[in-house]
Amino acid sequence: AGGRKRKITLLFSDIRDFTALSETMPPDRLVSFINEYLDPMSEI
């Protein structure tokens, strides 16, 4: 438990214009789409 200070390298990634994109998809397709994207990115 507790924190420690470390020198690390951080990565942030984000889909551009995702809000506009999400408005064009029905909810079930949106969830499927995000999972299709996040799963391989996580594995990498």
PDB file of all heavy atoms in Angstrom:
ATOM      1  N   ALA A   1       0.834  -1.198   0.000  1.00  0.00           N
ATOM      2  CA  ALA A   1       0.000   0.000   0.000  1.00  0.00           C
ATOM      3  C   ALA A   1       0.872   1.251   0.000  1.00  0.00           C
ATOM      4  O   ALA A   1       2.023   1.230   0.423  1.00  0.00           O
ATOM      5  CB  ALA A   1      -0.919  -0.012   1.210  1.00  0.00           C
ATOM      6  N   GLY A   2       0.289   2.351  -0.444  1.00  0.00           N
ATOM      7  CA  GLY A   2       1.012   3.609  -0.452  1.00  0.00           C
ATOM      8  C   GLY A   2       1.593   3.900  -1.819  1.00  0.00           C
ATOM      9  O   GLY A   2       1.575   3.071  -2.723  1.00  0.00           O
ATOM     10  N   GLY A   3       2.121   5.098  -1.992  1.00  0.00           N
ATOM     11  CA  GLY A   3       2.667   5.503  -3.279  1.00  0.00           C
ATOM     12  C   GLY A   3       4.171   5.620  -3.235  1.00  0.00           C
ATOM     13  O   GLY A   3       4.787   5.644  -2.169  1.00  0.00           O
ATOM     14  N   ARG A   4       4.748   5.670  -4.409  1.00  0.00           N
ATOM     15  CA  ARG A   4       6.188   5.878  -4.528  1.00  0.00           C
ATOM     16  C   ARG A   4       6.444   6.720  -5.772  1.00  0.00           C
ATOM     17  O   ARG A   4       5.678   6.661  -6.735  1.00  0.00           O
ATOM     18  CB  ARG A   4       6.928   4.542  -4.599  1.00  0.00           C
ATOM     19  CG  ARG A   4       6.620   3.728  -5.846  1.00  0.00           C
ATOM     20  CD  ARG A   4       7.245   2.355  -5.780  1.00  0.00           C
ATOM     21  NE  ARG A   4       6.568   1.518  -4.828  1.00  0.00           N
ATOM     22  CZ  ARG A   4       6.950   0.286  -4.524  1.00  0.00           C
ATOM     23  NH1 ARG A   4       8.025  -0.219  -5.093  1.00  0.00           N
ATOM     24  NH2 ARG A   4       6.273  -0.430  -3.656  1.00  0.00           N
ATOM     25  N   LYS A   5       7.516   7.494  -5.743  1.00  0.00           N
ATOM     26  CA  LYS A   5       7.840   8.341  -6.881  1.00  0.00           C
ATOM     27  C   LYS A   5       8.727   7.545  -7.839  1.00  0.00           C
ATOM     28  O   LYS A   5       9.713   6.947  -7.433  1.00  0.00           O
ATOM     29  CB  LYS A   5       8.544   9.618  -6.423  1.00  0.00           C
ATOM     30  CG  LYS A   5       8.810  10.591  -7.560  1.00  0.00           C
ATOM     31  CD  LYS A   5       9.276  11.947  -7.034  1.00  0.00           C
ATOM     32  CE  LYS A   5       8.102  12.750  -6.486  1.00  0.00           C
ATOM     33  NZ  LYS A   5       8.483  14.155  -6.189  1.00  0.00           N
ATOM     34  N   ARG A   6       8.342   7.550  -9.101  1.00  0.00           N
ATOM     35  CA  ARG A   6       9.071   6.806 -10.114  1.00  0.00           C
ATOM     36  C   ARG A   6       9.215   7.633 -11.384  1.00  0.00           C
ATOM     37  O   ARG A   6       8.334   8.420 -11.719  1.00  0.00           O
ATOM     38  CB  ARG A   6       8.327   5.521 -10.479  1.00  0.00           C
ATOM     39  CG  ARG A   6       8.434   4.384  -9.485  1.00  0.00           C
ATOM     40  CD  ARG A   6       9.697   3.574  -9.712  1.00  0.00           C
ATOM     41  NE  ARG A   6       9.723   2.405  -8.866  1.00  0.00           N
ATOM     42  CZ  ARG A   6       9.157   1.250  -9.168  1.00  0.00           C
ATOM     43  NH1 ARG A   6       8.499   1.114 -10.304  1.00  0.00           N
ATOM     44  NH2 ARG A   6       9.258   0.226  -8.344  1.00  0.00           N
ATOM     45  N   LYS A   7      10.299   7.420 -12.097  1.00  0.00           N
ATOM     46  CA  LYS A   7      10.436   7.984 -13.434  1.00  0.00           C
ATOM     47  C   LYS A   7       9.754   7.023 -14.388  1.00  0.00           C
ATOM     48  O   LYS A   7      10.163   5.861 -14.511  1.00  0.00           O
ATOM     49  CB  LYS A   7      11.900   8.155 -13.808  1.00  0.00           C
ATOM     50  CG  LYS A   7      12.098   8.813 -15.175  1.00  0.00           C
ATOM     51  CD  LYS A   7      13.576   9.000 -15.491  1.00  0.00           C
ATOM     52  CE  LYS A   7      13.768   9.663 -16.841  1.00  0.00           C
ATOM     53  NZ  LYS A   7      15.214   9.837 -17.173  1.00  0.00           N
ATOM     54  N   ILE A   8       8.704   7.475 -15.041  1.00  0.00           N
ATOM     55  CA  ILE A   8       7.922   6.617 -15.927  1.00  0.00           C
ATOM     56  C   ILE A   8       7.678   7.334 -17.248  1.00  0.00           C
ATOM     57  O   ILE A   8       7.918   8.536 -17.367  1.00  0.00           O
ATOM     58  CB  ILE A   8       6.569   6.223 -15.290  1.00  0.00           C
ATOM     59  CG1 ILE A   8       5.709   7.467 -15.043  1.00  0.00           C
ATOM     60  CG2 ILE A   8       6.771   5.436 -14.004  1.00  0.00           C
ATOM     61  CD1 ILE A   8       4.307   7.155 -14.511  1.00  0.00           C
ATOM     62  N   THR A   9       7.229   6.578 -18.224  1.00  0.00           N
ATOM     63  CA  THR A   9       6.791   7.166 -19.491  1.00  0.00           C
ATOM     64  C   THR A   9       5.303   6.927 -19.633  1.00  0.00           C
ATOM     65  O   THR A   9       4.832   5.787 -19.520  1.00  0.00           O
ATOM     66  CB  THR A   9       7.539   6.557 -20.682  1.00  0.00           C
ATOM     67  OG1 THR A   9       8.933   6.868 -20.567  1.00  0.00           O
ATOM     68  CG2 THR A   9       7.023   7.127 -21.995  1.00  0.00           C
ATOM     69  N   LEU A  10       4.562   7.998 -19.865  1.00  0.00           N
ATOM     70  CA  LEU A  10       3.106   7.942 -19.938  1.00  0.00           C
ATOM     71  C   LEU A  10       2.626   8.116 -21.367  1.00  0.00           C
ATOM     72  O   LEU A  10       3.221   8.870 -22.149  1.00  0.00           O
ATOM     73  CB  LEU A  10       2.484   9.035 -19.077  1.00  0.00           C
ATOM     74  CG  LEU A  10       2.780   8.923 -17.574  1.00  0.00           C
ATOM     75  CD1 LEU A  10       3.507  10.162 -17.102  1.00  0.00           C
ATOM     76  CD2 LEU A  10       1.497   8.712 -16.798  1.00  0.00           C
ATOM     77  N   LEU A  11       1.558   7.417 -21.694  1.00  0.00           N
ATOM     78  CA  LEU A  11       0.939   7.497 -23.017  1.00  0.00           C
ATOM     79  C   LEU A  11      -0.549   7.764 -22.873  1.00  0.00           C
ATOM     80  O   LEU A  11      -1.234   7.081 -22.102  1.00  0.00           O
ATOM     81  CB  LEU A  11       1.173   6.199 -23.788  1.00  0.00           C
ATOM     82  CG  LEU A  11       0.555   6.056 -25.186  1.00  0.00           C
ATOM     83  CD1 LEU A  11       1.410   5.118 -26.043  1.00  0.00           C
ATOM     84  CD2 LEU A  11      -0.888   5.546 -25.154  1.00  0.00           C
ATOM     85  N   PHE A  12      -1.024   8.761 -23.591  1.00  0.00           N
ATOM     86  CA  PHE A  12      -2.458   9.032 -23.700  1.00  0.00           C
ATOM     87  C   PHE A  12      -2.841   8.939 -25.172  1.00  0.00           C
ATOM     88  O   PHE A  12      -2.159   9.488 -26.035  1.00  0.00           O
ATOM     89  CB  PHE A  12      -2.808  10.435 -23.187  1.00  0.00           C
ATOM     90  CG  PHE A  12      -2.939  10.544 -21.706  1.00  0.00           C
ATOM     91  CD1 PHE A  12      -1.821  10.701 -20.898  1.00  0.00           C
ATOM     92  CD2 PHE A  12      -4.192  10.498 -21.098  1.00  0.00           C
ATOM     93  CE1 PHE A  12      -1.936  10.801 -19.521  1.00  0.00           C
ATOM     94  CE2 PHE A  12      -4.322  10.600 -19.719  1.00  0.00           C
ATOM     95  CZ  PHE A  12      -3.194  10.751 -18.929  1.00  0.00           C
ATOM     96  N   SER A  13      -3.931   8.240 -25.456  1.00  0.00           N
ATOM     97  CA  SER A  13      -4.460   8.222 -26.821  1.00  0.00           C
ATOM     98  C   SER A  13      -5.952   8.535 -26.770  1.00  0.00           C
ATOM     99  O   SER A  13      -6.626   8.218 -25.797  1.00  0.00           O
ATOM    100  CB  SER A  13      -4.230   6.862 -27.486  1.00  0.00           C
ATOM    101  OG  SER A  13      -5.104   5.882 -26.969  1.00  0.00           O
ATOM    102  N   ASP A  14      -6.445   9.159 -27.849  1.00  0.00           N
ATOM    103  CA  ASP A  14      -7.835   9.594 -27.868  1.00  0.00           C
ATOM    104  C   ASP A  14      -8.336   9.598 -29.300  1.00  0.00           C
ATOM    105  O   ASP A  14      -7.608   9.985 -30.225  1.00  0.00           O
ATOM    106  CB  ASP A  14      -7.923  11.008 -27.264  1.00  0.00           C
ATOM    107  CG  ASP A  14      -9.359  11.409 -26.945  1.00  0.00           C
ATOM    108  OD1 ASP A  14     -10.135  10.541 -26.530  1.00  0.00           O
ATOM    109  OD2 ASP A  14      -9.688  12.588 -27.128  1.00  0.00           O
ATOM    110  N   ILE A  15      -9.585   9.171 -29.489  1.00  0.00           N
ATOM    111  CA  ILE A  15     -10.208   9.220 -30.817  1.00  0.00           C
ATOM    112  C   ILE A  15     -10.673  10.642 -31.088  1.00  0.00           C
ATOM    113  O   ILE A  15     -11.356  11.253 -30.262  1.00  0.00           O
ATOM    114  CB  ILE A  15     -11.398   8.253 -30.912  1.00  0.00           C
ATOM    115  CG1 ILE A  15     -10.926   6.808 -30.702  1.00  0.00           C
ATOM    116  CG2 ILE A  15     -12.106   8.382 -32.257  1.00  0.00           C
ATOM    117  CD1 ILE A  15     -12.063   5.793 -30.687  1.00  0.00           C
ATOM    118  N   ARG A  16     -10.312  11.162 -32.237  1.00  0.00           N
ATOM    119  CA  ARG A  16     -10.707  12.528 -32.581  1.00  0.00           C
ATOM    120  C   ARG A  16     -12.177  12.590 -32.981  1.00  0.00           C
ATOM    121  O   ARG A  16     -12.674  11.705 -33.677  1.00  0.00           O
ATOM    122  CB  ARG A  16      -9.837  13.053 -33.725  1.00  0.00           C
ATOM    123  CG  ARG A  16      -8.386  13.246 -33.308  1.00  0.00           C
ATOM    124  CD  ARG A  16      -7.597  13.951 -34.361  1.00  0.00           C
ATOM    125  NE  ARG A  16      -6.187  14.015 -33.978  1.00  0.00           N
ATOM    126  CZ  ARG A  16      -5.172  13.830 -34.815  1.00  0.00           C
ATOM    127  NH1 ARG A  16      -5.411  13.549 -36.071  1.00  0.00           N
ATOM    128  NH2 ARG A  16      -3.935  13.917 -34.383  1.00  0.00           N
ATOM    129  N   ASP A  17     -12.832  13.650 -32.531  1.00  0.00           N
ATOM    130  CA  ASP A  17     -14.242  13.897 -32.862  1.00  0.00           C
ATOM    131  C   ASP A  17     -15.131  12.716 -32.493  1.00  0.00           C
ATOM    132  O   ASP A  17     -16.083  12.382 -33.211  1.00  0.00           O
ATOM    133  CB  ASP A  17     -14.394  14.212 -34.365  1.00  0.00           C
ATOM    134  CG  ASP A  17     -13.581  15.426 -34.791  1.00  0.00           C
ATOM    135  OD1 ASP A  17     -13.585  16.423 -34.046  1.00  0.00           O
ATOM    136  OD2 ASP A  17     -12.941  15.366 -35.844  1.00  0.00           O
ATOM    137  N   PHE A  18     -14.826  12.096 -31.367  1.00  0.00           N
ATOM    138  CA  PHE A  18     -15.583  10.910 -30.982  1.00  0.00           C
ATOM    139  C   PHE A  18     -17.034  11.254 -30.633  1.00  0.00           C
ATOM    140  O   PHE A  18     -17.946  10.471 -30.913  1.00  0.00           O
ATOM    141  CB  PHE A  18     -14.922  10.223 -29.785  1.00  0.00           C
ATOM    142  CG  PHE A  18     -15.696   9.027 -29.293  1.00  0.00           C
ATOM    143  CD1 PHE A  18     -15.741   7.865 -30.039  1.00  0.00           C
ATOM    144  CD2 PHE A  18     -16.391   9.078 -28.090  1.00  0.00           C
ATOM    145  CE1 PHE A  18     -16.461   6.768 -29.603  1.00  0.00           C
ATOM    146  CE2 PHE A  18     -17.111   7.986 -27.646  1.00  0.00           C
ATOM    147  CZ  PHE A  18     -17.145   6.828 -28.407  1.00  0.00           C
ATOM    148  N   THR A  19     -17.259  12.409 -30.030  1.00  0.00           N
ATOM    149  CA  THR A  19     -18.623  12.793 -29.665  1.00  0.00           C
ATOM    150  C   THR A  19     -19.522  12.851 -30.893  1.00  0.00           C
ATOM    151  O   THR A  19     -20.644  12.312 -30.905  1.00  0.00           O
ATOM    152  CB  THR A  19     -18.631  14.147 -28.944  1.00  0.00           C
ATOM    153  OG1 THR A  19     -17.830  14.056 -27.761  1.00  0.00           O
ATOM    154  CG2 THR A  19     -20.050  14.536 -28.551  1.00  0.00           C
ATOM    155  N   ALA A  20     -19.036  13.491 -31.952  1.00  0.00           N
ATOM    156  CA  ALA A  20     -19.823  13.576 -33.188  1.00  0.00           C
ATOM    157  C   ALA A  20     -20.020  12.194 -33.790  1.00  0.00           C
ATOM    158  O   ALA A  20     -21.107  11.871 -34.297  1.00  0.00           O
ATOM    159  CB  ALA A  20     -19.124  14.493 -34.190  1.00  0.00           C
ATOM    160  N   LEU A  21     -18.975  11.378 -33.730  1.00  0.00           N
ATOM    161  CA  LEU A  21     -19.070  10.027 -34.275  1.00  0.00           C
ATOM    162  C   LEU A  21     -20.098   9.197 -33.515  1.00  0.00           C
ATOM    163  O   LEU A  21     -20.890   8.464 -34.117  1.00  0.00           O
ATOM    164  CB  LEU A  21     -17.701   9.351 -34.202  1.00  0.00           C
ATOM    165  CG  LEU A  21     -17.624   7.894 -34.666  1.00  0.00           C
ATOM    166  CD1 LEU A  21     -17.867   7.802 -36.165  1.00  0.00           C
ATOM    167  CD2 LEU A  21     -16.271   7.287 -34.301  1.00  0.00           C
ATOM    168  N   SER A  22     -20.099   9.321 -32.193  1.00  0.00           N
ATOM    169  CA  SER A  22     -20.999   8.517 -31.370  1.00  0.00           C
ATOM    170  C   SER A  22     -22.467   8.852 -31.627  1.00  0.00           C
ATOM    171  O   SER A  22     -23.346   8.006 -31.466  1.00  0.00           O
ATOM    172  CB  SER A  22     -20.680   8.716 -29.884  1.00  0.00           C
ATOM    173  OG  SER A  22     -20.934  10.056 -29.489  1.00  0.00           O
ATOM    174  N   GLU A  23     -22.731  10.090 -32.044  1.00  0.00           N
ATOM    175  CA  GLU A  23     -24.115  10.495 -32.301  1.00  0.00           C
ATOM    176  C   GLU A  23     -24.677   9.884 -33.573  1.00  0.00           C
ATOM    177  O   GLU A  23     -25.885   9.907 -33.804  1.00  0.00           O
ATOM    178  CB  GLU A  23     -24.195  12.020 -32.366  1.00  0.00           C
ATOM    179  CG  GLU A  23     -23.942  12.691 -31.014  1.00  0.00           C
ATOM    180  CD  GLU A  23     -23.888  14.205 -31.120  1.00  0.00           C
ATOM    181  OE1 GLU A  23     -23.883  14.711 -32.269  1.00  0.00           O
ATOM    182  OE2 GLU A  23     -23.836  14.879 -30.082  1.00  0.00           O
ATOM    183  N   THR A  24     -23.807   9.316 -34.411  1.00  0.00           N
ATOM    184  CA  THR A  24     -24.263   8.708 -35.658  1.00  0.00           C
ATOM    185  C   THR A  24     -24.522   7.212 -35.511  1.00  0.00           C
ATOM    186  O   THR A  24     -24.969   6.576 -36.469  1.00  0.00           O
ATOM    187  CB  THR A  24     -23.215   8.905 -36.769  1.00  0.00           C
ATOM    188  OG1 THR A  24     -22.022   8.165 -36.449  1.00  0.00           O
ATOM    189  CG2 THR A  24     -22.875  10.386 -36.923  1.00  0.00           C
ATOM    190  N   MET A  25     -24.232   6.651 -34.333  1.00  0.00           N
ATOM    191  CA  MET A  25     -24.360   5.205 -34.133  1.00  0.00           C
ATOM    192  C   MET A  25     -25.439   4.875 -33.113  1.00  0.00           C
ATOM    193  O   MET A  25     -25.571   5.583 -32.108  1.00  0.00           O
ATOM    194  CB  MET A  25     -23.037   4.612 -33.627  1.00  0.00           C
ATOM    195  CG  MET A  25     -21.883   4.676 -34.582  1.00  0.00           C
ATOM    196  SD  MET A  25     -20.440   3.834 -33.868  1.00  0.00           S
ATOM    197  CE  MET A  25     -19.218   4.162 -35.134  1.00  0.00           C
ATOM    198  N   PRO A  26     -26.179   3.803 -33.315  1.00  0.00           N
ATOM    199  CA  PRO A  26     -27.094   3.326 -32.274  1.00  0.00           C
ATOM    200  C   PRO A  26     -26.264   2.804 -31.098  1.00  0.00           C
ATOM    201  O   PRO A  26     -25.100   2.423 -31.271  1.00  0.00           O
ATOM    202  CB  PRO A  26     -27.875   2.199 -32.959  1.00  0.00           C
ATOM    203  CG  PRO A  26     -27.022   1.770 -34.102  1.00  0.00           C
ATOM    204  CD  PRO A  26     -26.268   2.993 -34.544  1.00  0.00           C
ATOM    205  N   PRO A  27     -26.825   2.771 -29.894  1.00  0.00           N
ATOM    206  CA  PRO A  27     -26.059   2.393 -28.699  1.00  0.00           C
ATOM    207  C   PRO A  27     -25.337   1.063 -28.799  1.00  0.00           C
ATOM    208  O   PRO A  27     -24.166   0.953 -28.402  1.00  0.00           O
ATOM    209  CB  PRO A  27     -27.129   2.374 -27.596  1.00  0.00           C
ATOM    210  CG  PRO A  27     -28.168   3.323 -28.065  1.00  0.00           C
ATOM    211  CD  PRO A  27     -28.197   3.184 -29.555  1.00  0.00           C
ATOM    212  N   ASP A  28     -26.015   0.026 -29.339  1.00  0.00           N
ATOM    213  CA  ASP A  28     -25.368  -1.283 -29.392  1.00  0.00           C
ATOM    214  C   ASP A  28     -24.187  -1.282 -30.347  1.00  0.00           C
ATOM    215  O   ASP A  28     -23.149  -1.898 -30.073  1.00  0.00           O
ATOM    216  CB  ASP A  28     -26.374  -2.371 -29.788  1.00  0.00           C
ATOM    217  CG  ASP A  28     -27.063  -2.080 -31.110  1.00  0.00           C
ATOM    218  OD1 ASP A  28     -27.057  -0.902 -31.538  1.00  0.00           O
ATOM    219  OD2 ASP A  28     -27.594  -3.027 -31.713  1.00  0.00           O
ATOM    220  N   ARG A  29     -24.297  -0.582 -31.456  1.00  0.00           N
ATOM    221  CA  ARG A  29     -23.179  -0.500 -32.400  1.00  0.00           C
ATOM    222  C   ARG A  29     -22.041   0.319 -31.821  1.00  0.00           C
ATOM    223  O   ARG A  29     -20.870  -0.003 -32.040  1.00  0.00           O
ATOM    224  CB  ARG A  29     -23.661   0.120 -33.718  1.00  0.00           C
ATOM    225  CG  ARG A  29     -22.549   0.377 -34.748  1.00  0.00           C
ATOM    226  CD  ARG A  29     -21.760  -0.866 -35.060  1.00  0.00           C
ATOM    227  NE  ARG A  29     -20.575  -0.586 -35.859  1.00  0.00           N
ATOM    228  CZ  ARG A  29     -19.422  -1.231 -35.740  1.00  0.00           C
ATOM    229  NH1 ARG A  29     -19.288  -2.190 -34.836  1.00  0.00           N
ATOM    230  NH2 ARG A  29     -18.388  -0.935 -36.520  1.00  0.00           N
ATOM    231  N   LEU A  30     -22.373   1.365 -31.074  1.00  0.00           N
ATOM    232  CA  LEU A  30     -21.343   2.205 -30.468  1.00  0.00           C
ATOM    233  C   LEU A  30     -20.496   1.390 -29.488  1.00  0.00           C
ATOM    234  O   LEU A  30     -19.261   1.464 -29.512  1.00  0.00           O
ATOM    235  CB  LEU A  30     -21.982   3.395 -29.749  1.00  0.00           C
ATOM    236  CG  LEU A  30     -21.030   4.336 -29.028  1.00  0.00           C
ATOM    237  CD1 LEU A  30     -20.049   4.967 -30.004  1.00  0.00           C
ATOM    238  CD2 LEU A  30     -21.808   5.408 -28.263  1.00  0.00           C
ATOM    239  N   VAL A  31     -21.151   0.609 -28.634  1.00  0.00           N
ATOM    240  CA  VAL A  31     -20.423  -0.211 -27.658  1.00  0.00           C
ATOM    241  C   VAL A  31     -19.560  -1.243 -28.374  1.00  0.00           C
ATOM    242  O   VAL A  31     -18.401  -1.469 -28.028  1.00  0.00           O
ATOM    243  CB  VAL A  31     -21.399  -0.898 -26.688  1.00  0.00           C
ATOM    244  CG1 VAL A  31     -20.667  -1.909 -25.815  1.00  0.00           C
ATOM    245  CG2 VAL A  31     -22.094   0.145 -25.818  1.00  0.00           C
ATOM    246  N   SER A  32     -20.116  -1.876 -29.399  1.00  0.00           N
ATOM    247  CA  SER A  32     -19.364  -2.860 -30.172  1.00  0.00           C
ATOM    248  C   SER A  32     -18.155  -2.231 -30.842  1.00  0.00           C
ATOM    249  O   SER A  32     -17.054  -2.795 -30.847  1.00  0.00           O
ATOM    250  CB  SER A  32     -20.275  -3.501 -31.224  1.00  0.00           C
ATOM    251  OG  SER A  32     -19.555  -4.358 -32.064  1.00  0.00           O
ATOM    252  N   PHE A  33     -18.348  -1.033 -31.385  1.00  0.00           N
ATOM    253  CA  PHE A  33     -17.264  -0.321 -32.061  1.00  0.00           C
ATOM    254  C   PHE A  33     -16.131   0.011 -31.091  1.00  0.00           C
ATOM    255  O   PHE A  33     -14.949  -0.217 -31.395  1.00  0.00           O
ATOM    256  CB  PHE A  33     -17.824   0.962 -32.690  1.00  0.00           C
ATOM    257  CG  PHE A  33     -16.777   1.931 -33.147  1.00  0.00           C
ATOM    258  CD1 PHE A  33     -16.097   1.735 -34.334  1.00  0.00           C
ATOM    259  CD2 PHE A  33     -16.468   3.049 -32.372  1.00  0.00           C
ATOM    260  CE1 PHE A  33     -15.122   2.628 -34.754  1.00  0.00           C
ATOM    261  CE2 PHE A  33     -15.502   3.946 -32.790  1.00  0.00           C
ATOM    262  CZ  PHE A  33     -14.828   3.733 -33.979  1.00  0.00           C
ATOM    263  N   ILE A  34     -16.479   0.539 -29.922  1.00  0.00           N
ATOM    264  CA  ILE A  34     -15.464   0.901 -28.940  1.00  0.00           C
ATOM    265  C   ILE A  34     -14.694  -0.338 -28.478  1.00  0.00           C
ATOM    266  O   ILE A  34     -13.473  -0.311 -28.314  1.00  0.00           O
ATOM    267  CB  ILE A  34     -16.114   1.618 -27.732  1.00  0.00           C
ATOM    268  CG1 ILE A  34     -16.476   3.042 -28.127  1.00  0.00           C
ATOM    269  CG2 ILE A  34     -15.170   1.661 -26.542  1.00  0.00           C
ATOM    270  CD1 ILE A  34     -15.279   3.909 -28.449  1.00  0.00           C
ATOM    271  N   ASN A  35     -15.415  -1.434 -28.258  1.00  0.00           N
ATOM    272  CA  ASN A  35     -14.746  -2.666 -27.840  1.00  0.00           C
ATOM    273  C   ASN A  35     -13.798  -3.182 -28.914  1.00  0.00           C
ATOM    274  O   ASN A  35     -12.703  -3.664 -28.613  1.00  0.00           O
ATOM    275  CB  ASN A  35     -15.775  -3.733 -27.488  1.00  0.00           C
ATOM    276  CG  ASN A  35     -16.522  -3.428 -26.209  1.00  0.00           C
ATOM    277  OD1 ASN A  35     -16.080  -2.620 -25.401  1.00  0.00           O
ATOM    278  ND2 ASN A  35     -17.672  -4.059 -26.016  1.00  0.00           N
ATOM    279  N   GLU A  36     -14.220  -3.086 -30.179  1.00  0.00           N
ATOM    280  CA  GLU A  36     -13.371  -3.513 -31.291  1.00  0.00           C
ATOM    281  C   GLU A  36     -12.089  -2.692 -31.342  1.00  0.00           C
ATOM    282  O   GLU A  36     -11.036  -3.198 -31.749  1.00  0.00           O
ATOM    283  CB  GLU A  36     -14.121  -3.369 -32.614  1.00  0.00           C
ATOM    284  CG  GLU A  36     -15.200  -4.406 -32.858  1.00  0.00           C
ATOM    285  CD  GLU A  36     -15.922  -4.157 -34.170  1.00  0.00           C
ATOM    286  OE1 GLU A  36     -15.258  -3.735 -35.135  1.00  0.00           O
ATOM    287  OE2 GLU A  36     -17.147  -4.363 -34.212  1.00  0.00           O
ATOM    288  N   TYR A  37     -12.183  -1.433 -30.954  1.00  0.00           N
ATOM    289  CA  TYR A  37     -11.018  -0.548 -30.961  1.00  0.00           C
ATOM    290  C   TYR A  37     -10.147  -0.748 -29.716  1.00  0.00           C
ATOM    291  O   TYR A  37      -8.926  -0.899 -29.823  1.00  0.00           O
ATOM    292  CB  TYR A  37     -11.482   0.911 -31.046  1.00  0.00           C
ATOM    293  CG  TYR A  37     -10.400   1.916 -30.762  1.00  0.00           C
ATOM    294  CD1 TYR A  37      -9.416   2.203 -31.697  1.00  0.00           C
ATOM    295  CD2 TYR A  37     -10.347   2.581 -29.531  1.00  0.00           C
ATOM    296  CE1 TYR A  37      -8.407   3.118 -31.430  1.00  0.00           C
ATOM    297  CE2 TYR A  37      -9.356   3.496 -29.253  1.00  0.00           C
ATOM    298  CZ  TYR A  37      -8.375   3.767 -30.204  1.00  0.00           C
ATOM    299  OH  TYR A  37      -7.380   4.657 -29.925  1.00  0.00           O
ATOM    300  N   LEU A  38     -10.760  -0.759 -28.542  1.00  0.00           N
ATOM    301  CA  LEU A  38      -9.987  -0.795 -27.302  1.00  0.00           C
ATOM    302  C   LEU A  38      -9.309  -2.138 -27.063  1.00  0.00           C
ATOM    303  O   LEU A  38      -8.224  -2.188 -26.468  1.00  0.00           O
ATOM    304  CB  LEU A  38     -10.888  -0.460 -26.111  1.00  0.00           C
ATOM    305  CG  LEU A  38     -11.379   0.984 -26.008  1.00  0.00           C
ATOM    306  CD1 LEU A  38     -12.304   1.140 -24.797  1.00  0.00           C
ATOM    307  CD2 LEU A  38     -10.197   1.952 -25.904  1.00  0.00           C
ATOM    308  N   ASP A  39      -9.918  -3.229 -27.506  1.00  0.00           N
ATOM    309  CA  ASP A  39      -9.343  -4.547 -27.235  1.00  0.00           C
ATOM    310  C   ASP A  39      -7.946  -4.700 -27.843  1.00  0.00           C
ATOM    311  O   ASP A  39      -6.996  -5.031 -27.118  1.00  0.00           O
ATOM    312  CB  ASP A  39     -10.278  -5.648 -27.726  1.00  0.00           C
ATOM    313  CG  ASP A  39      -9.773  -7.026 -27.359  1.00  0.00           C
ATOM    314  OD1 ASP A  39      -9.667  -7.325 -26.160  1.00  0.00           O
ATOM    315  OD2 ASP A  39      -9.461  -7.826 -28.274  1.00  0.00           O
ATOM    316  N   PRO A  40      -7.741  -4.469 -29.137  1.00  0.00           N
ATOM    317  CA  PRO A  40      -6.387  -4.611 -29.676  1.00  0.00           C
ATOM    318  C   PRO A  40      -5.421  -3.555 -29.155  1.00  0.00           C
ATOM    319  O   PRO A  40      -4.225  -3.839 -28.988  1.00  0.00           O
ATOM    320  CB  PRO A  40      -6.593  -4.483 -31.192  1.00  0.00           C
ATOM    321  CG  PRO A  40      -7.874  -3.753 -31.359  1.00  0.00           C
ATOM    322  CD  PRO A  40      -8.727  -4.165 -30.208  1.00  0.00           C
ATOM    323  N   MET A  41      -5.909  -2.348 -28.881  1.00  0.00           N
ATOM    324  CA  MET A  41      -5.020  -1.308 -28.352  1.00  0.00           C
ATOM    325  C   MET A  41      -4.505  -1.700 -26.960  1.00  0.00           C
ATOM    326  O   MET A  41      -3.341  -1.469 -26.622  1.00  0.00           O
ATOM    327  CB  MET A  41      -5.745   0.037 -28.296  1.00  0.00           C
ATOM    328  CG  MET A  41      -6.214   0.538 -29.652  1.00  0.00           C
ATOM    329  SD  MET A  41      -4.883   0.605 -30.884  1.00  0.00           S
ATOM    330  CE  MET A  41      -5.806   0.788 -32.398  1.00  0.00           C
ATOM    331  N   SER A  42      -5.379  -2.301 -26.165  1.00  0.00           N
ATOM    332  CA  SER A  42      -4.975  -2.758 -24.836  1.00  0.00           C
ATOM    333  C   SER A  42      -3.925  -3.855 -24.934  1.00  0.00           C
ATOM    334  O   SER A  42      -2.944  -3.870 -24.182  1.00  0.00           O
ATOM    335  CB  SER A  42      -6.186  -3.278 -24.060  1.00  0.00           C
ATOM    336  OG  SER A  42      -7.176  -2.281 -23.941  1.00  0.00           O
ATOM    337  N   GLU A  43      -4.141  -4.780 -25.867  1.00  0.00           N
ATOM    338  CA  GLU A  43      -3.190  -5.883 -26.044  1.00  0.00           C
ATOM    339  C   GLU A  43      -1.822  -5.368 -26.452  1.00  0.00           C
ATOM    340  O   GLU A  43      -0.785  -5.885 -26.011  1.00  0.00           O
ATOM    341  CB  GLU A  43      -3.719  -6.868 -27.091  1.00  0.00           C
ATOM    342  CG  GLU A  43      -4.878  -7.718 -26.615  1.00  0.00           C
ATOM    343  CD  GLU A  43      -4.505  -8.561 -25.406  1.00  0.00           C
ATOM    344  OE1 GLU A  43      -3.446  -9.217 -25.437  1.00  0.00           O
ATOM    345  OE2 GLU A  43      -5.269  -8.532 -24.419  1.00  0.00           O
ATOM    346  N   ILE A  44      -1.793  -4.345 -27.281  1.00  0.00           N
ATOM    347  CA  ILE A  44      -0.518  -3.763 -27.703  1.00  0.00           C
ATOM    348  C   ILE A  44       0.230  -3.190 -26.498  1.00  0.00           C
ATOM    349  O   ILE A  44       1.434  -3.395 -26.340  1.00  0.00           O
ATOM    350  CB  ILE A  44      -0.749  -2.682 -28.778  1.00  0.00           C
ATOM    351  CG1 ILE A  44      -1.183  -3.336 -30.095  1.00  0.00           C
ATOM    352  CG2 ILE A  44       0.505  -1.839 -28.992  1.00  0.00           C
ATOM    353  CD1 ILE A  44      -1.652  -2.366 -31.156  1.00  0.00           C
TER     354      ILE A  44
END
